[in-house]
Amino acid sequence: MKKYLNTAFVYALLALAGGVFYREFTKFNGFTGVTALGKLHVHLFTLGMVMFLLAALFSAQLPLEKQKNFRAFLKLYHIGVPLTAVMLLIRGVLEVLATPLSRGMDAAISGMAGLGHILTGVGIVLFLLSLKKAAGE
């Protein structure tokens, strides 16, 4: 349980840093529009901190760590969420700086962000399956 609380704490710190970066970076550059940086903060809080707080609570009551699906969830999720966050950061910085992108670069950023979302989604499904199995259903 403690390692999931520590993981939630790390994601909370990253979310806070992402929020401060978004506010200060856009202010410094005089940017007032909508940017992907605004989504970074909420993604890290929700998909990072909240998910691992839930994992900590459930692991205290259920034998989650014995579940094969739970171990797979941890691996995929720890790749998917950071990948998604990094791509939001990259996309947002480029938007604020009004950096023109080639179609290939734009597609690469979107593709990597999509891959991060897919891995995160598969991880969520594995988490739910492991909860169901650990609860004896």
Protein backbone atom coordinates (compact mmCIF):
# COMPACT_ATOMS: atom_id res chain seq x y z
CA MET A 1 0.00 0.00 0.00
CA LYS A 2 2.80 2.42 0.87
CA LYS A 3 4.37 2.25 -2.59
CA TYR A 4 1.03 3.20 -4.20
CA LEU A 5 0.71 6.15 -1.82
CA ASN A 6 4.25 7.19 -2.73
CA THR A 7 3.39 6.87 -6.42
CA ALA A 8 0.27 8.99 -5.89
CA PHE A 9 2.44 11.59 -4.15
CA VAL A 10 4.90 11.70 -7.07
CA TYR A 11 2.05 12.15 -9.56
CA ALA A 12 0.59 14.92 -7.37
CA LEU A 13 3.93 16.74 -7.36
CA LEU A 14 4.20 16.36 -11.13
CA ALA A 15 0.63 17.65 -11.53
CA LEU A 16 1.37 20.67 -9.37
CA ALA A 17 4.56 21.37 -11.30
CA GLY A 18 2.65 21.01 -14.56
CA GLY A 19 0.03 23.50 -13.39
CA VAL A 20 2.63 26.04 -12.33
CA PHE A 21 4.55 25.58 -15.57
CA TYR A 22 1.37 26.09 -17.61
CA ARG A 23 0.47 29.29 -15.75
CA GLU A 24 3.95 30.79 -15.80
CA PHE A 25 4.97 29.71 -19.30
CA THR A 26 1.81 31.07 -20.91
CA LYS A 27 2.04 34.31 -18.89
CA PHE A 28 5.72 34.77 -19.77
CA ASN A 29 4.95 34.29 -23.47
CA GLY A 30 1.79 36.44 -23.44
CA PHE A 31 -0.31 33.50 -24.58
CA THR A 32 -4.04 33.70 -23.82
CA GLY A 33 -5.50 30.92 -25.97
CA VAL A 34 -6.29 27.30 -25.26
CA THR A 35 -3.33 24.94 -25.16
CA ALA A 36 -2.64 21.29 -24.38
CA LEU A 37 -0.60 22.49 -21.39
CA GLY A 38 -3.88 23.22 -19.62
CA LYS A 39 -4.75 19.52 -19.76
CA LEU A 40 -1.43 18.32 -18.34
CA HIS A 41 -2.28 19.31 -14.77
CA VAL A 42 -5.63 17.52 -14.70
CA HIS A 43 -4.33 14.41 -16.50
CA LEU A 44 -1.59 13.91 -13.93
CA PHE A 45 -3.90 14.52 -10.98
CA THR A 46 -6.68 12.27 -12.21
CA LEU A 47 -4.83 9.49 -14.01
CA GLY A 48 -1.84 9.59 -11.69
CA MET A 49 -2.65 10.66 -8.16
CA VAL A 50 -6.31 9.59 -7.98
CA MET A 51 -5.71 6.22 -9.63
CA PHE A 52 -2.91 5.32 -7.25
CA LEU A 53 -4.83 6.51 -4.22
CA LEU A 54 -7.54 4.08 -5.34
CA ALA A 55 -4.95 1.35 -5.86
CA ALA A 56 -3.64 1.95 -2.34
CA LEU A 57 -7.11 1.74 -0.82
CA PHE A 58 -8.04 -1.41 -2.72
CA SER A 59 -4.68 -3.10 -2.10
CA ALA A 60 -5.25 -2.66 1.64
CA GLN A 61 -8.48 -4.68 1.40
CA LEU A 62 -7.90 -7.09 -1.49
CA PRO A 63 -5.01 -9.30 -2.62
CA LEU A 64 -4.36 -7.12 -5.69
CA GLU A 65 -0.63 -7.72 -5.91
CA LYS A 66 -1.25 -11.45 -6.42
CA GLN A 67 -3.25 -10.71 -9.56
CA LYS A 68 -1.41 -11.14 -12.87
CA ASN A 69 -3.62 -8.43 -14.39
CA PHE A 70 -2.60 -6.00 -11.66
CA ARG A 71 1.09 -6.48 -12.36
CA ALA A 72 0.42 -5.91 -16.08
CA PHE A 73 -1.63 -2.81 -15.20
CA LEU A 74 1.31 -1.34 -13.29
CA LYS A 75 3.70 -1.84 -16.21
CA LEU A 76 1.41 -0.50 -18.92
CA TYR A 77 0.06 2.34 -16.83
CA HIS A 78 3.51 3.56 -15.80
CA ILE A 79 4.36 3.80 -19.50
CA GLY A 80 1.04 5.18 -20.75
CA VAL A 81 0.42 8.04 -18.32
CA PRO A 82 3.94 9.54 -18.48
CA LEU A 83 3.98 9.18 -22.28
CA THR A 84 0.64 10.98 -22.50
CA ALA A 85 1.88 13.70 -20.13
CA VAL A 86 5.12 14.24 -22.05
CA MET A 87 3.24 14.53 -25.34
CA LEU A 88 0.81 17.04 -23.78
CA LEU A 89 3.82 19.02 -22.58
CA ILE A 90 5.51 18.95 -25.99
CA ARG A 91 2.30 19.81 -27.87
CA GLY A 92 1.48 22.60 -25.42
CA VAL A 93 4.93 24.21 -25.53
CA LEU A 94 4.87 24.16 -29.34
CA GLU A 95 1.38 25.71 -29.33
CA VAL A 96 2.38 28.51 -26.96
CA LEU A 97 5.51 29.24 -28.98
CA ALA A 98 3.47 29.08 -32.23
CA THR A 99 6.03 26.69 -33.69
CA PRO A 100 5.03 25.53 -37.16
CA LEU A 101 5.09 21.76 -37.50
CA SER A 102 5.38 19.63 -40.58
CA ARG A 103 2.53 17.19 -41.12
CA GLY A 104 4.89 14.37 -40.22
CA MET A 105 5.93 15.92 -36.92
CA ASP A 106 2.33 16.79 -36.04
CA ALA A 107 1.30 13.21 -36.83
CA ALA A 108 4.19 11.82 -34.77
CA ILE A 109 3.19 13.85 -31.71
CA SER A 110 -0.46 12.84 -32.12
CA GLY A 111 0.52 9.21 -32.65
CA MET A 112 2.67 9.05 -29.55
CA ALA A 113 -0.05 10.76 -27.49
CA GLY A 114 -2.55 8.27 -28.88
CA LEU A 115 -0.28 5.38 -27.94
CA GLY A 116 -0.01 6.77 -24.42
CA HIS A 117 -3.81 6.99 -24.19
CA ILE A 118 -4.20 3.43 -25.49
CA LEU A 119 -1.72 2.05 -22.96
CA THR A 120 -3.45 4.00 -20.20
CA GLY A 121 -6.86 2.70 -21.30
CA VAL A 122 -5.68 -0.90 -21.44
CA GLY A 123 -4.12 -0.39 -18.01
CA ILE A 124 -7.45 0.83 -16.60
CA VAL A 125 -9.21 -2.24 -17.99
CA LEU A 126 -6.55 -4.50 -16.44
CA PHE A 127 -6.93 -2.68 -13.12
CA LEU A 128 -10.69 -3.24 -13.15
CA LEU A 129 -10.28 -6.90 -14.10
CA SER A 130 -7.80 -7.41 -11.27
CA LEU A 131 -10.21 -5.77 -8.82
CA LYS A 132 -12.98 -8.05 -9.98
CA LYS A 133 -10.85 -11.17 -9.65
CA ALA A 134 -9.39 -10.14 -6.29
CA ALA A 135 -12.92 -9.54 -4.97
CA GLY A 136 -13.80 -13.10 -5.94
CA GLU A 137 -16.20 -12.37 -8.76
